Amino acid sequence: MTVCGLARLDGADVRRAALTAMLAASARGLPAARGVHLDGVFGAVTAADTDDDPTPPVADDEAGLVVIADLEPRSVGPRRTPPVAPLVAGRAACAAARTITVVWEPTRCRLLLARPSGTRTEMITWTDGRVFAFGTELDQIRAAGPVAGLGGGSRPRWLARGEVLAVRVPARRRSQRLVVVPSRATTGLARDAAPCQ
């Protein structure tokens, strides 16, 4: 499995084009079968390593919890996406995986990344304080550079085997409110035209 993504620490939305560019930088190129998840300040894209297993391992539930993990042994034929319900234990879910795991908890605005001790798959991260990028290949992180302003003094960081990293992501930045000012002929207070949130 290959996975990469972004979390916008500045509250801006993640763009699909940025995720596609990161996945296309992978050694295998841009696969036809891929899973994409966009959730405002968080976005991730994933693909299977082999052509005989084209189902990208992305699962989400009604509450918005997203788990990206390859929890089942590979077999010939279509593979089922693992159910999310047994995986909601956060760190326990990460520890149970045989490969790298990404968990996005939108209600807590928290991103968990795990690299179990038994896996050879890399998990690489980079941040400049505005954008947090992650991926299984260094070229994926480099591809986030134009979006994230990669360069300067920041260097990518490799997660150690057995490491779990939790990243707190600020809530999505709200759009500016539009205030309608009544004309002189209209009486009453100005109303906020933006919906309540």
C-alpha atoms as a PDB file:
ATOM      1  CA  MET A   1       0.000   0.000   0.000  1.00  0.00           C
ATOM      2  CA  THR A   2       1.105   3.532  -0.697  1.00  0.00           C
ATOM      3  CA  VAL A   3      -0.512   6.491   1.015  1.00  0.00           C
ATOM      4  CA  CYS A   4       0.144  10.215   1.146  1.00  0.00           C
ATOM      5  CA  GLY A   5      -1.731  13.269   2.272  1.00  0.00           C
ATOM      6  CA  LEU A   6      -1.878  16.717   3.783  1.00  0.00           C
ATOM      7  CA  ALA A   7      -3.290  18.357   6.882  1.00  0.00           C
ATOM      8  CA  ARG A   8      -3.623  22.133   6.665  1.00  0.00           C
ATOM      9  CA  LEU A   9      -2.573  23.603  10.000  1.00  0.00           C
ATOM     10  CA  ASP A  10      -3.525  27.074   8.758  1.00  0.00           C
ATOM     11  CA  GLY A  11      -7.209  26.099   8.388  1.00  0.00           C
ATOM     12  CA  ALA A  12      -7.322  26.188   4.574  1.00  0.00           C
ATOM     13  CA  ASP A  13      -8.898  23.363   2.579  1.00  0.00           C
ATOM     14  CA  VAL A  14      -6.758  20.605   1.069  1.00  0.00           C
ATOM     15  CA  ARG A  15      -7.012  20.544  -2.739  1.00  0.00           C
ATOM     16  CA  ARG A  16      -7.501  17.312  -4.690  1.00  0.00           C
ATOM     17  CA  ALA A  17      -4.874  18.424  -7.231  1.00  0.00           C
ATOM     18  CA  ALA A  18      -2.225  18.549  -4.502  1.00  0.00           C
ATOM     19  CA  LEU A  19      -3.024  14.971  -3.438  1.00  0.00           C
ATOM     20  CA  THR A  20      -2.995  13.743  -7.036  1.00  0.00           C
ATOM     21  CA  ALA A  21       0.430  15.342  -7.606  1.00  0.00           C
ATOM     22  CA  MET A  22       1.787  13.651  -4.479  1.00  0.00           C
ATOM     23  CA  LEU A  23       0.529  10.199  -5.525  1.00  0.00           C
ATOM     24  CA  ALA A  24       1.750  10.690  -9.105  1.00  0.00           C
ATOM     25  CA  ALA A  25       5.261  11.259  -7.717  1.00  0.00           C
ATOM     26  CA  SER A  26       5.224   7.689  -6.373  1.00  0.00           C
ATOM     27  CA  ALA A  27       7.636   5.167  -7.890  1.00  0.00           C
ATOM     28  CA  ARG A  28       4.668   3.350  -9.475  1.00  0.00           C
ATOM     29  CA  GLY A  29       3.240   6.536 -10.940  1.00  0.00           C
ATOM     30  CA  LEU A  30      -0.443   7.440 -10.811  1.00  0.00           C
ATOM     31  CA  PRO A  31      -2.468   4.209 -10.570  1.00  0.00           C
ATOM     32  CA  ALA A  32      -5.929   3.928 -12.100  1.00  0.00           C
ATOM     33  CA  ALA A  33      -7.436   2.503  -8.883  1.00  0.00           C
ATOM     34  CA  ARG A  34      -7.009   4.847  -5.954  1.00  0.00           C
ATOM     35  CA  GLY A  35      -8.934   6.078  -2.978  1.00  0.00           C
ATOM     36  CA  VAL A  36      -9.254   9.762  -2.195  1.00  0.00           C
ATOM     37  CA  HIS A  37     -10.627  11.265   0.987  1.00  0.00           C
ATOM     38  CA  LEU A  38     -11.102  15.034   1.367  1.00  0.00           C
ATOM     39  CA  ASP A  39     -12.393  16.535   4.598  1.00  0.00           C
ATOM     40  CA  GLY A  40     -11.654  20.261   4.594  1.00  0.00           C
ATOM     41  CA  VAL A  41      -8.310  20.625   6.372  1.00  0.00           C
ATOM     42  CA  PHE A  42      -7.410  16.927   5.835  1.00  0.00           C
ATOM     43  CA  GLY A  43      -6.927  14.957   2.660  1.00  0.00           C
ATOM     44  CA  ALA A  44      -5.339  11.630   1.788  1.00  0.00           C
ATOM     45  CA  VAL A  45      -4.950   9.451  -1.264  1.00  0.00           C
ATOM     46  CA  THR A  46      -3.978   5.794  -1.348  1.00  0.00           C
ATOM     47  CA  ALA A  47      -3.403   2.945  -3.773  1.00  0.00           C
ATOM     48  CA  ALA A  48      -2.508  -0.715  -3.560  1.00  0.00           C
ATOM     49  CA  ASP A  49       1.028  -1.817  -4.355  1.00  0.00           C
ATOM     50  CA  THR A  50       0.094  -4.529  -6.833  1.00  0.00           C
ATOM     51  CA  ASP A  51      -2.242  -4.686  -9.797  1.00  0.00           C
ATOM     52  CA  ASP A  52      -3.871  -7.902  -8.511  1.00  0.00           C
ATOM     53  CA  ASP A  53      -5.131  -5.961  -5.451  1.00  0.00           C
ATOM     54  CA  PRO A  54      -6.636  -2.768  -6.911  1.00  0.00           C
ATOM     55  CA  THR A  55      -8.922  -1.814  -4.013  1.00  0.00           C
ATOM     56  CA  PRO A  56      -7.447   1.124  -2.105  1.00  0.00           C
ATOM     57  CA  PRO A  57      -7.691   0.415   1.636  1.00  0.00           C
ATOM     58  CA  VAL A  58      -9.713   3.447   2.844  1.00  0.00           C
ATOM     59  CA  ALA A  59     -12.600   3.062   5.291  1.00  0.00           C
ATOM     60  CA  ASP A  60     -14.837   5.645   6.933  1.00  0.00           C
ATOM     61  CA  ASP A  61     -17.979   5.616   9.046  1.00  0.00           C
ATOM     62  CA  GLU A  62     -21.034   7.794   9.628  1.00  0.00           C
ATOM     63  CA  ALA A  63     -19.218   9.868  12.267  1.00  0.00           C
ATOM     64  CA  GLY A  64     -16.482  10.768   9.763  1.00  0.00           C
ATOM     65  CA  LEU A  65     -13.706   8.628  11.285  1.00  0.00           C
ATOM     66  CA  VAL A  66     -11.293   7.614   8.511  1.00  0.00           C
ATOM     67  CA  VAL A  67      -8.915   4.653   8.735  1.00  0.00           C
ATOM     68  CA  ILE A  68      -6.342   3.906   6.077  1.00  0.00           C
ATOM     69  CA  ALA A  69      -4.682   0.578   6.839  1.00  0.00           C
ATOM     70  CA  ASP A  70      -3.977  -2.732   5.182  1.00  0.00           C
ATOM     71  CA  LEU A  71      -5.207  -5.003   7.980  1.00  0.00           C
ATOM     72  CA  GLU A  72      -5.884  -8.180   6.022  1.00  0.00           C
ATOM     73  CA  PRO A  73      -3.379 -10.507   4.351  1.00  0.00           C
ATOM     74  CA  ARG A  74      -3.247 -10.102   0.586  1.00  0.00           C
ATOM     75  CA  SER A  75      -5.243 -12.604  -1.408  1.00  0.00           C
ATOM     76  CA  VAL A  76      -6.119 -13.089  -5.045  1.00  0.00           C
ATOM     77  CA  GLY A  77      -9.371 -11.449  -6.076  1.00  0.00           C
ATOM     78  CA  PRO A  78     -11.237  -8.447  -4.715  1.00  0.00           C
ATOM     79  CA  ARG A  79     -10.494  -7.425  -1.160  1.00  0.00           C
ATOM     80  CA  ARG A  80     -13.030  -6.009   1.225  1.00  0.00           C
ATOM     81  CA  THR A  81     -12.429  -2.706   2.943  1.00  0.00           C
ATOM     82  CA  PRO A  82     -11.949  -3.353   6.673  1.00  0.00           C
ATOM     83  CA  PRO A  83     -14.892  -2.204   8.804  1.00  0.00           C
ATOM     84  CA  VAL A  84     -14.252   0.971  10.749  1.00  0.00           C
ATOM     85  CA  ALA A  85     -16.165   0.061  13.915  1.00  0.00           C
ATOM     86  CA  PRO A  86     -13.507  -2.327  15.308  1.00  0.00           C
ATOM     87  CA  LEU A  87     -10.828   0.254  14.515  1.00  0.00           C
ATOM     88  CA  VAL A  88     -12.159   3.207  16.509  1.00  0.00           C
ATOM     89  CA  ALA A  89      -9.817   2.533  19.389  1.00  0.00           C
ATOM     90  CA  GLY A  90      -7.288   5.015  17.960  1.00  0.00           C
ATOM     91  CA  ARG A  91      -3.825   3.975  19.092  1.00  0.00           C
ATOM     92  CA  ALA A  92      -4.939   0.376  19.580  1.00  0.00           C
ATOM     93  CA  ALA A  93      -6.007   0.286  15.923  1.00  0.00           C
ATOM     94  CA  CYS A  94      -2.630   1.603  14.862  1.00  0.00           C
ATOM     95  CA  ALA A  95      -0.818  -0.975  16.957  1.00  0.00           C
ATOM     96  CA  ALA A  96      -2.904  -3.815  15.488  1.00  0.00           C
ATOM     97  CA  ALA A  97      -2.015  -3.039  11.885  1.00  0.00           C
ATOM     98  CA  ARG A  98       0.685  -4.920  10.045  1.00  0.00           C
ATOM     99  CA  THR A  99       1.526  -1.921   7.906  1.00  0.00           C
ATOM    100  CA  ILE A 100       1.508   1.842   8.245  1.00  0.00           C
ATOM    101  CA  THR A 101      -1.808   3.265   9.434  1.00  0.00           C
ATOM    102  CA  VAL A 102      -3.428   6.678   9.094  1.00  0.00           C
ATOM    103  CA  VAL A 103      -6.397   7.596  11.297  1.00  0.00           C
ATOM    104  CA  TRP A 104      -8.265  10.902  10.885  1.00  0.00           C
ATOM    105  CA  GLU A 105     -10.654  11.845  13.709  1.00  0.00           C
ATOM    106  CA  PRO A 106     -12.597  14.915  12.494  1.00  0.00           C
ATOM    107  CA  THR A 107     -14.555  15.347  15.724  1.00  0.00           C
ATOM    108  CA  ARG A 108     -11.284  15.726  17.653  1.00  0.00           C
ATOM    109  CA  CYS A 109      -9.379  17.366  14.756  1.00  0.00           C
ATOM    110  CA  ARG A 110      -6.631  14.801  15.263  1.00  0.00           C
ATOM    111  CA  LEU A 111      -4.461  12.874  12.835  1.00  0.00           C
ATOM    112  CA  LEU A 112      -2.705   9.676  13.953  1.00  0.00           C
ATOM    113  CA  LEU A 113       0.127   8.136  11.964  1.00  0.00           C
ATOM    114  CA  ALA A 114       1.640   4.799  12.944  1.00  0.00           C
ATOM    115  CA  ARG A 115       4.510   2.684  11.711  1.00  0.00           C
ATOM    116  CA  PRO A 116       4.350  -0.706  13.429  1.00  0.00           C
ATOM    117  CA  SER A 117       7.613  -2.318  14.477  1.00  0.00           C
ATOM    118  CA  GLY A 118       7.171  -5.242  12.084  1.00  0.00           C
ATOM    119  CA  THR A 119       6.759  -3.245   8.866  1.00  0.00           C
ATOM    120  CA  ARG A 120       9.367  -2.245   6.328  1.00  0.00           C
ATOM    121  CA  THR A 121       7.126   0.458   4.841  1.00  0.00           C
ATOM    122  CA  GLU A 122       8.376   3.977   5.537  1.00  0.00           C
ATOM    123  CA  MET A 123       6.247   6.828   6.881  1.00  0.00           C
ATOM    124  CA  ILE A 124       7.756  10.223   6.158  1.00  0.00           C
ATOM    125  CA  THR A 125       6.437  13.549   7.444  1.00  0.00           C
ATOM    126  CA  TRP A 126       7.228  17.215   6.868  1.00  0.00           C
ATOM    127  CA  THR A 127       5.787  20.446   8.208  1.00  0.00           C
ATOM    128  CA  ASP A 128       6.410  24.157   7.991  1.00  0.00           C
ATOM    129  CA  GLY A 129       3.832  25.063  10.639  1.00  0.00           C
ATOM    130  CA  ARG A 130       1.153  25.794   8.013  1.00  0.00           C
ATOM    131  CA  VAL A 131       1.021  22.435   6.241  1.00  0.00           C
ATOM    132  CA  PHE A 132       1.693  18.920   7.520  1.00  0.00           C
ATOM    133  CA  ALA A 133       2.551  16.469   4.718  1.00  0.00           C
ATOM    134  CA  PHE A 134       2.923  12.690   5.062  1.00  0.00           C
ATOM    135  CA  GLY A 135       3.674   9.843   2.699  1.00  0.00           C
ATOM    136  CA  THR A 136       5.306   6.474   2.220  1.00  0.00           C
ATOM    137  CA  GLU A 137       7.873   7.805  -0.264  1.00  0.00           C
ATOM    138  CA  LEU A 138      10.186  10.810  -0.120  1.00  0.00           C
ATOM    139  CA  ASP A 139       9.174  11.887  -3.639  1.00  0.00           C
ATOM    140  CA  GLN A 140       5.579  12.218  -2.443  1.00  0.00           C
ATOM    141  CA  ILE A 141       6.720  14.676   0.224  1.00  0.00           C
ATOM    142  CA  ARG A 142       8.815  16.553  -2.352  1.00  0.00           C
ATOM    143  CA  ALA A 143       5.763  16.787  -4.637  1.00  0.00           C
ATOM    144  CA  ALA A 144       3.924  18.601  -1.841  1.00  0.00           C
ATOM    145  CA  GLY A 145       6.646  21.256  -1.975  1.00  0.00           C
ATOM    146  CA  PRO A 146       4.998  23.719  -4.370  1.00  0.00           C
ATOM    147  CA  VAL A 147       1.777  23.519  -2.359  1.00  0.00           C
ATOM    148  CA  ALA A 148       3.456  23.577   1.033  1.00  0.00           C
ATOM    149  CA  GLY A 149       6.405  25.797   0.207  1.00  0.00           C
ATOM    150  CA  LEU A 150       8.770  22.886   0.911  1.00  0.00           C
ATOM    151  CA  GLY A 151      12.268  24.180   1.197  1.00  0.00           C
ATOM    152  CA  GLY A 152      13.890  26.505   3.651  1.00  0.00           C
ATOM    153  CA  GLY A 153      15.246  24.965   6.846  1.00  0.00           C
ATOM    154  CA  SER A 154      12.653  22.195   7.356  1.00  0.00           C
ATOM    155  CA  ARG A 155      13.676  18.627   6.678  1.00  0.00           C
ATOM    156  CA  PRO A 156      11.508  15.545   6.210  1.00  0.00           C
ATOM    157  CA  ARG A 157      11.284  13.208   9.204  1.00  0.00           C
ATOM    158  CA  TRP A 158      11.025   9.406   9.081  1.00  0.00           C
ATOM    159  CA  LEU A 159       8.880   7.706  11.728  1.00  0.00           C
ATOM    160  CA  ALA A 160      10.802   5.060  13.655  1.00  0.00           C
ATOM    161  CA  ARG A 161       9.511   1.486  13.736  1.00  0.00           C
ATOM    162  CA  GLY A 162       6.880   1.189  16.436  1.00  0.00           C
ATOM    163  CA  GLU A 163       6.261   4.949  16.525  1.00  0.00           C
ATOM    164  CA  VAL A 164       2.805   6.548  16.705  1.00  0.00           C
ATOM    165  CA  LEU A 165       2.578  10.256  15.939  1.00  0.00           C
ATOM    166  CA  ALA A 166      -0.470  12.358  16.885  1.00  0.00           C
ATOM    167  CA  VAL A 167      -0.982  15.716  15.170  1.00  0.00           C
ATOM    168  CA  ARG A 168      -3.560  18.212  16.404  1.00  0.00           C
ATOM    169  CA  VAL A 169      -5.119  20.057  13.466  1.00  0.00           C
ATOM    170  CA  PRO A 170      -6.914  23.368  14.087  1.00  0.00           C
ATOM    171  CA  ALA A 171     -10.572  23.532  13.114  1.00  0.00           C
ATOM    172  CA  ARG A 172     -11.398  24.588   9.587  1.00  0.00           C
ATOM    173  CA  ARG A 173     -11.102  28.287   8.935  1.00  0.00           C
ATOM    174  CA  ARG A 174     -14.536  29.803   8.545  1.00  0.00           C
ATOM    175  CA  SER A 175     -15.308  31.828   5.464  1.00  0.00           C
ATOM    176  CA  GLN A 176     -15.741  35.544   5.905  1.00  0.00           C
ATOM    177  CA  ARG A 177     -19.226  36.664   6.773  1.00  0.00           C
ATOM    178  CA  LEU A 178     -21.283  38.802   4.456  1.00  0.00           C
ATOM    179  CA  VAL A 179     -23.222  41.542   6.208  1.00  0.00           C
ATOM    180  CA  VAL A 180     -26.235  42.994   4.452  1.00  0.00           C
ATOM    181  CA  VAL A 181     -26.697  46.700   5.227  1.00  0.00           C
ATOM    182  CA  PRO A 182     -30.286  47.891   4.857  1.00  0.00           C
ATOM    183  CA  SER A 183     -31.035  50.911   2.731  1.00  0.00           C
ATOM    184  CA  ARG A 184     -32.318  54.108   4.366  1.00  0.00           C
ATOM    185  CA  ALA A 185     -35.853  53.186   3.423  1.00  0.00           C
ATOM    186  CA  THR A 186     -35.599  49.863   5.257  1.00  0.00           C
ATOM    187  CA  THR A 187     -35.903  49.844   9.006  1.00  0.00           C
ATOM    188  CA  GLY A 188     -34.509  47.234  11.340  1.00  0.00           C
ATOM    189  CA  LEU A 189     -31.117  45.743  12.090  1.00  0.00           C
ATOM    190  CA  ALA A 190     -28.583  44.503   9.598  1.00  0.00           C
ATOM    191  CA  ARG A 191     -28.728  40.730   9.247  1.00  0.00           C
ATOM    192  CA  ASP A 192     -25.900  38.335   8.937  1.00  0.00           C
ATOM    193  CA  ALA A 193     -26.367  36.532   5.621  1.00  0.00           C
ATOM    194  CA  ALA A 194     -24.023  33.684   6.529  1.00  0.00           C
ATOM    195  CA  PRO A 195     -25.641  30.534   7.941  1.00  0.00           C
ATOM    196  CA  CYS A 196     -25.146  29.685  11.607  1.00  0.00           C
ATOM    197  CA  GLN A 197     -22.375  27.203  12.222  1.00  0.00           C
END
